[in-house]
Amino acid sequence: MKKSLTVFLSIGLGLFLSFQAHAENSDSIKVKKSGFVVGLKYLSNNVYLGRIDSANIMYLVPSIGYYHKSGLHVAASLSYQLDAGLNKIDVFSFEGGYDFSIGEQFSGGLSVEKDFYDSNSISLNSVNNLGVSSNFSYDFDIVSLNIGAGLAFNDKTDIITEFGLNKSFEIGKLVIEPNIKFNAGTQNYYNSYLIAGKSHITGNTGHGKGIGSIKSNGKSKSGNNGTTTTTTTTTAATYSVVEASTYKVLDYEISVPISYSLHNFKFDLVPTYAIPVNAATILSSTGSIEKENISNHFILQFEIAYKFY
């Protein structure tokens, strides 16, 4: 995996330097302004690769970022969980990256994100410590092709990729962009999630870590007063994902992002329907085997952003 990581980062750095050189020499690049952007986002459910563990995770996410006209940017945000009886800051996130475009048709970006989750977070991606990603898009006029690849670091590194098609329609300041894509990758994150005791499978009710347990055979013995006592030994059960490092399609997503710009304000509405596939096989230390519980999800995201430039 270290070799794969070295290759990935080397390719990414090479692409970054190559694209930066092309972008600086291109006369067709529009000059952008530098400035701060503040935003507030509502997310109806934090679905990761088409999946949740059991409970719905609703977020309110304030953010701030600085975007330089060169394409470089840094941003920070916090996600406040809006669940009944469990309102809390679930994660702080810091991200930096570089976005570029070559001509009117080709664009892309590279980014690094560091997350600090609450120790009792039940978000599936709460076991990821760091993520690096890249995305590239080419506009064929009829349709745009989008490709992305990244690494998610947990106990074992995950490789995540996406492939999608979209078409943009502009009506004045209103932009509608129907999009269809699929995500593929490994599921080491889910294995780490089970080991951490975050899943409902291990007894987590959503308010803290749970530990599944199994009981061994009880032993009886007689006391001095003639009474008999029985002792029972309880051992924590462990769970693991079979072939968690196997690369496979994880979900399909259909979305229709709608954005509207008014002066320095930008409003985004993103309804998404996620269809998870290829449920993981879970093995218990008791010898039992079960399938990951997956189901389709409708996610609604709404964001207001203001640009200070």
C-alpha atoms as a PDB file:
ATOM      1  CA  MET A   1       0.000   0.000   0.000  1.00  0.00           C
ATOM      2  CA  LYS A   2       2.933   2.358   0.702  1.00  0.00           C
ATOM      3  CA  LYS A   3       4.146   1.734  -2.841  1.00  0.00           C
ATOM      4  CA  SER A   4       0.657   2.499  -4.205  1.00  0.00           C
ATOM      5  CA  LEU A   5       0.511   5.683  -2.143  1.00  0.00           C
ATOM      6  CA  THR A   6       3.924   6.807  -3.419  1.00  0.00           C
ATOM      7  CA  VAL A   7       2.886   6.168  -7.011  1.00  0.00           C
ATOM      8  CA  PHE A   8      -0.435   7.990  -6.534  1.00  0.00           C
ATOM      9  CA  LEU A   9       1.177  11.049  -4.956  1.00  0.00           C
ATOM     10  CA  SER A  10       3.935  11.111  -7.569  1.00  0.00           C
ATOM     11  CA  ILE A  11       1.393  11.033 -10.389  1.00  0.00           C
ATOM     12  CA  GLY A  12      -0.680  13.685  -8.651  1.00  0.00           C
ATOM     13  CA  LEU A  13       2.317  15.966  -8.159  1.00  0.00           C
ATOM     14  CA  GLY A  14       3.356  15.494 -11.769  1.00  0.00           C
ATOM     15  CA  LEU A  15      -0.135  16.303 -13.007  1.00  0.00           C
ATOM     16  CA  PHE A  16      -0.294  19.314 -10.688  1.00  0.00           C
ATOM     17  CA  LEU A  17       2.968  20.799 -12.000  1.00  0.00           C
ATOM     18  CA  SER A  18       2.097  19.968 -15.600  1.00  0.00           C
ATOM     19  CA  PHE A  19      -1.391  21.459 -15.439  1.00  0.00           C
ATOM     20  CA  GLN A  20      -0.135  24.510 -13.558  1.00  0.00           C
ATOM     21  CA  ALA A  21       2.432  25.183 -16.275  1.00  0.00           C
ATOM     22  CA  HIS A  22      -0.203  24.808 -19.005  1.00  0.00           C
ATOM     23  CA  ALA A  23      -2.663  26.985 -17.133  1.00  0.00           C
ATOM     24  CA  GLU A  24      -0.148  29.799 -16.650  1.00  0.00           C
ATOM     25  CA  ASN A  25       0.717  29.761 -20.352  1.00  0.00           C
ATOM     26  CA  SER A  26      -2.860  29.619 -21.613  1.00  0.00           C
ATOM     27  CA  ASP A  27      -4.315  32.841 -22.968  1.00  0.00           C
ATOM     28  CA  SER A  28      -7.844  31.528 -22.644  1.00  0.00           C
ATOM     29  CA  ILE A  29      -7.850  31.392 -18.837  1.00  0.00           C
ATOM     30  CA  LYS A  30     -10.157  33.991 -17.340  1.00  0.00           C
ATOM     31  CA  VAL A  31      -8.607  36.182 -14.667  1.00  0.00           C
ATOM     32  CA  LYS A  32     -10.278  35.496 -11.337  1.00  0.00           C
ATOM     33  CA  LYS A  33     -10.390  37.624  -8.212  1.00  0.00           C
ATOM     34  CA  SER A  34      -9.019  36.630  -4.825  1.00  0.00           C
ATOM     35  CA  GLY A  35     -11.139  36.797  -1.698  1.00  0.00           C
ATOM     36  CA  PHE A  36     -12.952  35.128   1.157  1.00  0.00           C
ATOM     37  CA  VAL A  37     -16.126  33.038   0.906  1.00  0.00           C
ATOM     38  CA  VAL A  38     -18.389  32.288   3.873  1.00  0.00           C
ATOM     39  CA  GLY A  39     -21.132  29.721   3.640  1.00  0.00           C
ATOM     40  CA  LEU A  40     -23.833  27.867   5.526  1.00  0.00           C
ATOM     41  CA  LYS A  41     -24.936  24.401   4.385  1.00  0.00           C
ATOM     42  CA  TYR A  42     -27.762  22.112   5.445  1.00  0.00           C
ATOM     43  CA  LEU A  43     -27.365  18.365   4.809  1.00  0.00           C
ATOM     44  CA  SER A  44     -30.370  16.117   5.429  1.00  0.00           C
ATOM     45  CA  ASN A  45     -28.284  12.956   5.851  1.00  0.00           C
ATOM     46  CA  ASN A  46     -24.554  12.278   5.852  1.00  0.00           C
ATOM     47  CA  VAL A  47     -24.500   9.381   3.374  1.00  0.00           C
ATOM     48  CA  TYR A  48     -21.013   8.010   2.577  1.00  0.00           C
ATOM     49  CA  LEU A  49     -20.632   6.131  -0.714  1.00  0.00           C
ATOM     50  CA  GLY A  50     -24.368   5.448  -0.669  1.00  0.00           C
ATOM     51  CA  ARG A  51     -24.301   4.128   2.898  1.00  0.00           C
ATOM     52  CA  ILE A  52     -25.181   4.929   6.494  1.00  0.00           C
ATOM     53  CA  ASP A  53     -24.791   2.583   9.453  1.00  0.00           C
ATOM     54  CA  SER A  54     -28.261   2.879  10.969  1.00  0.00           C
ATOM     55  CA  ALA A  55     -29.190   6.349  12.249  1.00  0.00           C
ATOM     56  CA  ASN A  56     -29.869   9.422  10.139  1.00  0.00           C
ATOM     57  CA  ILE A  57     -27.135  12.093  10.534  1.00  0.00           C
ATOM     58  CA  MET A  58     -28.345  15.620   9.799  1.00  0.00           C
ATOM     59  CA  TYR A  59     -25.754  18.404   9.603  1.00  0.00           C
ATOM     60  CA  LEU A  60     -25.663  22.203   9.669  1.00  0.00           C
ATOM     61  CA  VAL A  61     -22.260  23.255   8.292  1.00  0.00           C
ATOM     62  CA  PRO A  62     -20.877  26.815   8.555  1.00  0.00           C
ATOM     63  CA  SER A  63     -17.654  27.362   6.587  1.00  0.00           C
ATOM     64  CA  ILE A  64     -15.080  29.946   5.581  1.00  0.00           C
ATOM     65  CA  GLY A  65     -12.427  29.825   2.888  1.00  0.00           C
ATOM     66  CA  TYR A  66      -9.905  31.961   1.086  1.00  0.00           C
ATOM     67  CA  TYR A  67      -9.692  31.515  -2.687  1.00  0.00           C
ATOM     68  CA  HIS A  68      -6.741  32.969  -4.603  1.00  0.00           C
ATOM     69  CA  LYS A  69      -7.052  33.868  -8.270  1.00  0.00           C
ATOM     70  CA  SER A  70      -4.219  31.423  -9.033  1.00  0.00           C
ATOM     71  CA  GLY A  71      -6.538  28.544  -8.100  1.00  0.00           C
ATOM     72  CA  LEU A  72      -5.083  27.873  -4.658  1.00  0.00           C
ATOM     73  CA  HIS A  73      -7.464  27.826  -1.713  1.00  0.00           C
ATOM     74  CA  VAL A  74      -7.757  26.943   1.983  1.00  0.00           C
ATOM     75  CA  ALA A  75     -10.992  26.394   3.885  1.00  0.00           C
ATOM     76  CA  ALA A  76     -12.326  25.359   7.286  1.00  0.00           C
ATOM     77  CA  SER A  77     -15.725  24.152   8.451  1.00  0.00           C
ATOM     78  CA  LEU A  78     -17.536  22.465  11.300  1.00  0.00           C
ATOM     79  CA  SER A  79     -20.469  20.081  11.082  1.00  0.00           C
ATOM     80  CA  TYR A  80     -23.115  20.490  13.774  1.00  0.00           C
ATOM     81  CA  GLN A  81     -25.268  17.389  14.176  1.00  0.00           C
ATOM     82  CA  LEU A  82     -28.992  18.175  14.330  1.00  0.00           C
ATOM     83  CA  ASP A  83     -30.459  14.987  15.736  1.00  0.00           C
ATOM     84  CA  ALA A  84     -33.108  14.895  18.460  1.00  0.00           C
ATOM     85  CA  GLY A  85     -31.411  14.677  21.849  1.00  0.00           C
ATOM     86  CA  LEU A  86     -27.950  14.627  20.315  1.00  0.00           C
ATOM     87  CA  ASN A  87     -27.118  18.143  19.127  1.00  0.00           C
ATOM     88  CA  LYS A  88     -23.337  18.499  19.005  1.00  0.00           C
ATOM     89  CA  ILE A  89     -20.345  19.458  16.880  1.00  0.00           C
ATOM     90  CA  ASP A  90     -19.524  16.185  15.131  1.00  0.00           C
ATOM     91  CA  VAL A  91     -16.457  17.192  13.135  1.00  0.00           C
ATOM     92  CA  PHE A  92     -14.018  20.020  12.367  1.00  0.00           C
ATOM     93  CA  SER A  93     -12.617  19.961   8.818  1.00  0.00           C
ATOM     94  CA  PHE A  94      -9.658  21.735   7.208  1.00  0.00           C
ATOM     95  CA  GLU A  95      -9.017  21.595   3.476  1.00  0.00           C
ATOM     96  CA  GLY A  96      -6.532  22.994   0.992  1.00  0.00           C
ATOM     97  CA  GLY A  97      -6.254  22.583  -2.737  1.00  0.00           C
ATOM     98  CA  TYR A  98      -5.634  23.856  -6.216  1.00  0.00           C
ATOM     99  CA  ASP A  99      -8.173  24.245  -9.032  1.00  0.00           C
ATOM    100  CA  PHE A 100      -7.262  24.911 -12.639  1.00  0.00           C
ATOM    101  CA  SER A 101      -8.693  25.082 -16.125  1.00  0.00           C
ATOM    102  CA  ILE A 102      -7.150  24.793 -19.572  1.00  0.00           C
ATOM    103  CA  GLY A 103      -9.160  26.493 -22.262  1.00  0.00           C
ATOM    104  CA  GLU A 104     -12.937  26.357 -22.038  1.00  0.00           C
ATOM    105  CA  GLN A 105     -13.299  22.579 -21.905  1.00  0.00           C
ATOM    106  CA  PHE A 106     -10.794  21.017 -19.500  1.00  0.00           C
ATOM    107  CA  SER A 107     -10.676  21.632 -15.744  1.00  0.00           C
ATOM    108  CA  GLY A 108      -9.533  19.826 -12.638  1.00  0.00           C
ATOM    109  CA  GLY A 109      -8.360  20.062  -9.073  1.00  0.00           C
ATOM    110  CA  LEU A 110      -6.291  18.509  -6.321  1.00  0.00           C
ATOM    111  CA  SER A 111      -7.095  18.733  -2.606  1.00  0.00           C
ATOM    112  CA  VAL A 112      -6.110  17.493   0.852  1.00  0.00           C
ATOM    113  CA  GLU A 113      -8.559  17.338   3.767  1.00  0.00           C
ATOM    114  CA  LYS A 114      -7.984  16.711   7.475  1.00  0.00           C
ATOM    115  CA  ASP A 115     -10.951  15.884   9.713  1.00  0.00           C
ATOM    116  CA  PHE A 116     -11.257  15.856  13.505  1.00  0.00           C
ATOM    117  CA  TYR A 117     -14.329  13.818  14.492  1.00  0.00           C
ATOM    118  CA  ASP A 118     -16.001  13.510  17.858  1.00  0.00           C
ATOM    119  CA  SER A 119     -14.916  10.196  19.385  1.00  0.00           C
ATOM    120  CA  ASN A 120     -18.561   9.056  19.552  1.00  0.00           C
ATOM    121  CA  SER A 121     -19.420  10.014  15.986  1.00  0.00           C
ATOM    122  CA  ILE A 122     -21.483   7.402  14.164  1.00  0.00           C
ATOM    123  CA  SER A 123     -20.659   8.792  10.714  1.00  0.00           C
ATOM    124  CA  LEU A 124     -19.245   5.990   8.542  1.00  0.00           C
ATOM    125  CA  ASN A 125     -16.333   8.183   7.431  1.00  0.00           C
ATOM    126  CA  SER A 126     -15.476   9.228  11.004  1.00  0.00           C
ATOM    127  CA  VAL A 127     -12.684   6.627  11.012  1.00  0.00           C
ATOM    128  CA  ASN A 128     -10.882   8.441   8.173  1.00  0.00           C
ATOM    129  CA  ASN A 129      -8.079  10.652   9.441  1.00  0.00           C
ATOM    130  CA  LEU A 130      -6.941  12.254   6.196  1.00  0.00           C
ATOM    131  CA  GLY A 131      -8.008  12.332   2.573  1.00  0.00           C
ATOM    132  CA  VAL A 132      -6.329  13.330  -0.691  1.00  0.00           C
ATOM    133  CA  SER A 133      -8.312  13.607  -3.904  1.00  0.00           C
ATOM    134  CA  SER A 134      -8.161  14.670  -7.519  1.00  0.00           C
ATOM    135  CA  ASN A 135     -10.879  15.433 -10.051  1.00  0.00           C
ATOM    136  CA  PHE A 136     -10.851  16.127 -13.785  1.00  0.00           C
ATOM    137  CA  SER A 137     -13.612  17.243 -16.142  1.00  0.00           C
ATOM    138  CA  TYR A 138     -13.835  17.570 -19.910  1.00  0.00           C
ATOM    139  CA  ASP A 139     -16.732  19.317 -21.631  1.00  0.00           C
ATOM    140  CA  PHE A 140     -17.748  17.635 -24.904  1.00  0.00           C
ATOM    141  CA  ASP A 141     -20.511  20.253 -25.407  1.00  0.00           C
ATOM    142  CA  ILE A 142     -23.193  17.558 -25.547  1.00  0.00           C
ATOM    143  CA  VAL A 143     -22.141  16.223 -22.147  1.00  0.00           C
ATOM    144  CA  SER A 144     -19.283  16.641 -19.651  1.00  0.00           C
ATOM    145  CA  LEU A 145     -17.176  13.706 -18.463  1.00  0.00           C
ATOM    146  CA  ASN A 146     -16.036  13.761 -14.808  1.00  0.00           C
ATOM    147  CA  ILE A 147     -13.400  11.474 -13.304  1.00  0.00           C
ATOM    148  CA  GLY A 148     -12.067  11.523  -9.747  1.00  0.00           C
ATOM    149  CA  ALA A 149      -9.660   9.473  -7.634  1.00  0.00           C
ATOM    150  CA  GLY A 150      -8.545   9.701  -4.038  1.00  0.00           C
ATOM    151  CA  LEU A 151      -7.152   8.020  -0.957  1.00  0.00           C
ATOM    152  CA  ALA A 152      -8.850   7.859   2.457  1.00  0.00           C
ATOM    153  CA  PHE A 153      -6.522   7.062   5.349  1.00  0.00           C
ATOM    154  CA  ASN A 154      -7.789   4.968   8.278  1.00  0.00           C
ATOM    155  CA  ASP A 155      -6.333   1.804   9.839  1.00  0.00           C
ATOM    156  CA  LYS A 156      -5.803   0.706   6.231  1.00  0.00           C
ATOM    157  CA  THR A 157      -5.855   3.056   3.255  1.00  0.00           C
ATOM    158  CA  ASP A 158      -8.894   3.068   0.963  1.00  0.00           C
ATOM    159  CA  ILE A 159      -8.818   3.828  -2.749  1.00  0.00           C
ATOM    160  CA  ILE A 160     -11.959   5.675  -3.896  1.00  0.00           C
ATOM    161  CA  THR A 161     -12.774   6.592  -7.504  1.00  0.00           C
ATOM    162  CA  GLU A 162     -15.752   8.132  -9.274  1.00  0.00           C
ATOM    163  CA  PHE A 163     -16.940   8.365 -12.850  1.00  0.00           C
ATOM    164  CA  GLY A 164     -19.798  10.583 -13.973  1.00  0.00           C
ATOM    165  CA  LEU A 165     -21.588  12.446 -16.739  1.00  0.00           C
ATOM    166  CA  ASN A 166     -23.403  15.761 -16.470  1.00  0.00           C
ATOM    167  CA  LYS A 167     -24.924  18.484 -18.612  1.00  0.00           C
ATOM    168  CA  SER A 168     -25.239  22.135 -17.638  1.00  0.00           C
ATOM    169  CA  PHE A 169     -28.218  24.319 -18.605  1.00  0.00           C
ATOM    170  CA  GLU A 170     -28.081  28.065 -17.984  1.00  0.00           C
ATOM    171  CA  ILE A 171     -31.198  30.227 -17.756  1.00  0.00           C
ATOM    172  CA  GLY A 172     -29.978  33.694 -16.907  1.00  0.00           C
ATOM    173  CA  LYS A 173     -28.403  33.439 -13.452  1.00  0.00           C
ATOM    174  CA  LEU A 174     -29.967  30.038 -12.863  1.00  0.00           C
ATOM    175  CA  VAL A 175     -27.874  26.929 -13.608  1.00  0.00           C
ATOM    176  CA  ILE A 176     -29.332  23.396 -13.642  1.00  0.00           C
ATOM    177  CA  GLU A 177     -26.857  20.536 -13.963  1.00  0.00           C
ATOM    178  CA  PRO A 178     -28.289  16.977 -14.068  1.00  0.00           C
ATOM    179  CA  ASN A 179     -25.626  14.475 -13.075  1.00  0.00           C
ATOM    180  CA  ILE A 180     -25.254  10.697 -12.929  1.00  0.00           C
ATOM    181  CA  LYS A 181     -22.206   8.936 -11.502  1.00  0.00           C
ATOM    182  CA  PHE A 182     -20.937   5.846  -9.745  1.00  0.00           C
ATOM    183  CA  ASN A 183     -18.401   5.460  -6.946  1.00  0.00           C
ATOM    184  CA  ALA A 184     -16.059   2.500  -6.669  1.00  0.00           C
ATOM    185  CA  GLY A 185     -13.396   1.599  -4.148  1.00  0.00           C
ATOM    186  CA  THR A 186     -12.381  -0.487  -1.165  1.00  0.00           C
ATOM    187  CA  GLN A 187     -14.128  -0.810   2.220  1.00  0.00           C
ATOM    188  CA  ASN A 188     -11.320  -0.756   4.767  1.00  0.00           C
ATOM    189  CA  TYR A 189     -13.139   2.190   6.363  1.00  0.00           C
ATOM    190  CA  TYR A 190     -16.063  -0.084   7.234  1.00  0.00           C
ATOM    191  CA  ASN A 191     -13.747  -2.661   8.766  1.00  0.00           C
ATOM    192  CA  SER A 192     -12.203   0.098  10.935  1.00  0.00           C
ATOM    193  CA  TYR A 193     -15.705   1.308  11.829  1.00  0.00           C
ATOM    194  CA  LEU A 194     -16.653  -2.134  13.133  1.00  0.00           C
ATOM    195  CA  ILE A 195     -13.410  -2.541  15.072  1.00  0.00           C
ATOM    196  CA  ALA A 196     -13.956   0.851  16.719  1.00  0.00           C
ATOM    197  CA  GLY A 197     -17.331  -0.330  18.030  1.00  0.00           C
ATOM    198  CA  LYS A 198     -19.221   2.463  16.254  1.00  0.00           C
ATOM    199  CA  SER A 199     -21.732   0.246  14.443  1.00  0.00           C
ATOM    200  CA  HIS A 200     -25.211  -0.769  15.592  1.00  0.00           C
ATOM    201  CA  ILE A 201     -23.948  -4.325  15.061  1.00  0.00           C
ATOM    202  CA  THR A 202     -21.663  -3.864  18.075  1.00  0.00           C
ATOM    203  CA  GLY A 203     -24.479  -2.438  20.188  1.00  0.00           C
ATOM    204  CA  ASN A 204     -24.075   1.266  19.411  1.00  0.00           C
ATOM    205  CA  THR A 205     -27.373   3.106  19.804  1.00  0.00           C
ATOM    206  CA  GLY A 206     -26.097   6.313  18.208  1.00  0.00           C
ATOM    207  CA  HIS A 207     -25.167   7.973  21.515  1.00  0.00           C
ATOM    208  CA  GLY A 208     -21.783   6.338  22.006  1.00  0.00           C
ATOM    209  CA  LYS A 209     -19.630   3.352  21.275  1.00  0.00           C
ATOM    210  CA  GLY A 210     -21.174  -0.060  21.767  1.00  0.00           C
ATOM    211  CA  ILE A 211     -19.450  -3.357  22.348  1.00  0.00           C
ATOM    212  CA  GLY A 212     -21.047  -6.572  21.165  1.00  0.00           C
ATOM    213  CA  SER A 213     -20.614  -9.506  23.489  1.00  0.00           C
ATOM    214  CA  ILE A 214     -21.014 -13.268  23.667  1.00  0.00           C
ATOM    215  CA  LYS A 215     -21.417 -15.420  26.762  1.00  0.00           C
ATOM    216  CA  SER A 216     -19.336 -18.469  27.502  1.00  0.00           C
ATOM    217  CA  ASN A 217     -20.649 -21.547  29.335  1.00  0.00           C
ATOM    218  CA  GLY A 218     -21.492 -20.833  32.993  1.00  0.00           C
ATOM    219  CA  LYS A 219     -19.733 -22.680  35.805  1.00  0.00           C
ATOM    220  CA  SER A 220     -21.469 -23.737  39.046  1.00  0.00           C
ATOM    221  CA  LYS A 221     -19.967 -24.357  42.429  1.00  0.00           C
ATOM    222  CA  SER A 222     -21.253 -24.979  45.959  1.00  0.00           C
ATOM    223  CA  GLY A 223     -20.514 -22.573  48.763  1.00  0.00           C
ATOM    224  CA  ASN A 224     -19.850 -23.366  52.440  1.00  0.00           C
ATOM    225  CA  ASN A 225     -23.479 -22.688  53.329  1.00  0.00           C
ATOM    226  CA  GLY A 226     -24.707 -25.236  50.818  1.00  0.00           C
ATOM    227  CA  THR A 227     -25.907 -22.692  48.263  1.00  0.00           C
ATOM    228  CA  THR A 228     -24.925 -22.964  44.618  1.00  0.00           C
ATOM    229  CA  THR A 229     -23.656 -19.972  42.596  1.00  0.00           C
ATOM    230  CA  THR A 230     -23.222 -19.696  38.856  1.00  0.00           C
ATOM    231  CA  THR A 231     -20.605 -17.464  37.215  1.00  0.00           C
ATOM    232  CA  THR A 232     -20.810 -16.373  33.599  1.00  0.00           C
ATOM    233  CA  THR A 233     -17.886 -15.052  31.606  1.00  0.00           C
ATOM    234  CA  THR A 234     -18.691 -12.390  29.007  1.00  0.00           C
ATOM    235  CA  THR A 235     -16.321 -11.901  26.111  1.00  0.00           C
ATOM    236  CA  ALA A 236     -16.506  -9.037  23.615  1.00  0.00           C
ATOM    237  CA  ALA A 237     -17.325 -10.238  20.120  1.00  0.00           C
ATOM    238  CA  THR A 238     -15.291  -8.875  17.248  1.00  0.00           C
ATOM    239  CA  TYR A 239     -16.391  -8.188  13.696  1.00  0.00           C
ATOM    240  CA  SER A 240     -14.544  -7.798  10.429  1.00  0.00           C
ATOM    241  CA  VAL A 241     -15.337  -7.200   6.772  1.00  0.00           C
ATOM    242  CA  VAL A 242     -14.457 -10.083   4.472  1.00  0.00           C
ATOM    243  CA  GLU A 243     -12.120  -8.912   1.666  1.00  0.00           C
ATOM    244  CA  ALA A 244     -12.373  -5.266   2.753  1.00  0.00           C
ATOM    245  CA  SER A 245      -9.490  -4.351   0.411  1.00  0.00           C
ATOM    246  CA  THR A 246     -11.325  -5.630  -2.682  1.00  0.00           C
ATOM    247  CA  TYR A 247     -12.020  -2.872  -5.211  1.00  0.00           C
ATOM    248  CA  LYS A 248     -15.669  -2.810  -6.362  1.00  0.00           C
ATOM    249  CA  VAL A 249     -18.537  -0.521  -7.355  1.00  0.00           C
ATOM    250  CA  LEU A 250     -20.114   0.862  -4.160  1.00  0.00           C
ATOM    251  CA  ASP A 251     -23.000   3.044  -5.294  1.00  0.00           C
ATOM    252  CA  TYR A 252     -24.758   4.891  -8.118  1.00  0.00           C
ATOM    253  CA  GLU A 253     -25.948   8.457  -7.634  1.00  0.00           C
ATOM    254  CA  ILE A 254     -28.417  10.605  -9.554  1.00  0.00           C
ATOM    255  CA  SER A 255     -28.539  14.315  -8.715  1.00  0.00           C
ATOM    256  CA  VAL A 256     -29.866  17.572 -10.134  1.00  0.00           C
ATOM    257  CA  PRO A 257     -27.804  20.470  -8.694  1.00  0.00           C
ATOM    258  CA  ILE A 258     -29.500  23.857  -9.051  1.00  0.00           C
ATOM    259  CA  SER A 259     -27.624  27.101  -8.410  1.00  0.00           C
ATOM    260  CA  TYR A 260     -28.623  30.745  -8.509  1.00  0.00           C
ATOM    261  CA  SER A 261     -26.325  33.772  -8.270  1.00  0.00           C
ATOM    262  CA  LEU A 262     -27.419  37.192  -7.056  1.00  0.00           C
ATOM    263  CA  HIS A 263     -24.707  39.832  -6.704  1.00  0.00           C
ATOM    264  CA  ASN A 264     -22.179  38.268  -4.283  1.00  0.00           C
ATOM    265  CA  PHE A 265     -24.612  35.627  -3.072  1.00  0.00           C
ATOM    266  CA  LYS A 266     -24.812  32.094  -4.429  1.00  0.00           C
ATOM    267  CA  PHE A 267     -27.597  29.640  -3.602  1.00  0.00           C
ATOM    268  CA  ASP A 268     -27.168  25.900  -4.221  1.00  0.00           C
ATOM    269  CA  LEU A 269     -29.762  23.157  -3.964  1.00  0.00           C
ATOM    270  CA  VAL A 270     -28.585  19.569  -4.557  1.00  0.00           C
ATOM    271  CA  PRO A 271     -31.175  16.773  -4.374  1.00  0.00           C
ATOM    272  CA  THR A 272     -29.471  13.373  -4.703  1.00  0.00           C
ATOM    273  CA  TYR A 273     -30.707   9.797  -4.900  1.00  0.00           C
ATOM    274  CA  ALA A 274     -28.061   7.231  -3.883  1.00  0.00           C
ATOM    275  CA  ILE A 275     -28.303   3.533  -4.752  1.00  0.00           C
ATOM    276  CA  PRO A 276     -25.715   1.433  -2.847  1.00  0.00           C
ATOM    277  CA  VAL A 277     -24.642  -1.936  -4.273  1.00  0.00           C
ATOM    278  CA  ASN A 278     -22.335  -4.837  -3.392  1.00  0.00           C
ATOM    279  CA  ALA A 279     -23.075  -5.109   0.330  1.00  0.00           C
ATOM    280  CA  ALA A 280     -20.070  -6.135   2.406  1.00  0.00           C
ATOM    281  CA  THR A 281     -19.910  -9.560   4.065  1.00  0.00           C
ATOM    282  CA  ILE A 282     -19.378  -9.275   7.833  1.00  0.00           C
ATOM    283  CA  LEU A 283     -17.749 -12.058   9.855  1.00  0.00           C
ATOM    284  CA  SER A 284     -18.189 -12.325  13.631  1.00  0.00           C
ATOM    285  CA  SER A 285     -15.782 -13.981  16.053  1.00  0.00           C
ATOM    286  CA  THR A 286     -18.726 -16.207  17.000  1.00  0.00           C
ATOM    287  CA  GLY A 287     -18.565 -17.669  13.501  1.00  0.00           C
ATOM    288  CA  SER A 288     -21.737 -16.025  12.234  1.00  0.00           C
ATOM    289  CA  ILE A 289     -21.832 -14.317   8.849  1.00  0.00           C
ATOM    290  CA  GLU A 290     -24.164 -11.533   7.772  1.00  0.00           C
ATOM    291  CA  LYS A 291     -24.500  -8.959   5.003  1.00  0.00           C
ATOM    292  CA  GLU A 292     -24.049  -5.216   5.366  1.00  0.00           C
ATOM    293  CA  ASN A 293     -27.434  -3.499   5.670  1.00  0.00           C
ATOM    294  CA  ILE A 294     -27.784  -1.196   2.656  1.00  0.00           C
ATOM    295  CA  SER A 295     -30.772   0.703   1.244  1.00  0.00           C
ATOM    296  CA  ASN A 296     -31.435   3.560  -1.149  1.00  0.00           C
ATOM    297  CA  HIS A 297     -31.292   7.106   0.219  1.00  0.00           C
ATOM    298  CA  PHE A 298     -32.593  10.503  -0.829  1.00  0.00           C
ATOM    299  CA  ILE A 299     -30.304  13.322   0.329  1.00  0.00           C
ATOM    300  CA  LEU A 300     -31.062  17.029   0.208  1.00  0.00           C
ATOM    301  CA  GLN A 301     -28.328  19.642   0.438  1.00  0.00           C
ATOM    302  CA  PHE A 302     -28.903  23.390   0.528  1.00  0.00           C
ATOM    303  CA  GLU A 303     -26.151  26.003   0.794  1.00  0.00           C
ATOM    304  CA  ILE A 304     -25.911  29.799   0.862  1.00  0.00           C
ATOM    305  CA  ALA A 305     -22.510  31.364   0.167  1.00  0.00           C
ATOM    306  CA  TYR A 306     -21.317  34.973   0.112  1.00  0.00           C
ATOM    307  CA  LYS A 307     -18.177  36.090  -1.726  1.00  0.00           C
ATOM    308  CA  PHE A 308     -16.094  38.998  -0.371  1.00  0.00           C
ATOM    309  CA  TYR A 309     -14.565  40.043  -3.698  1.00  0.00           C
END
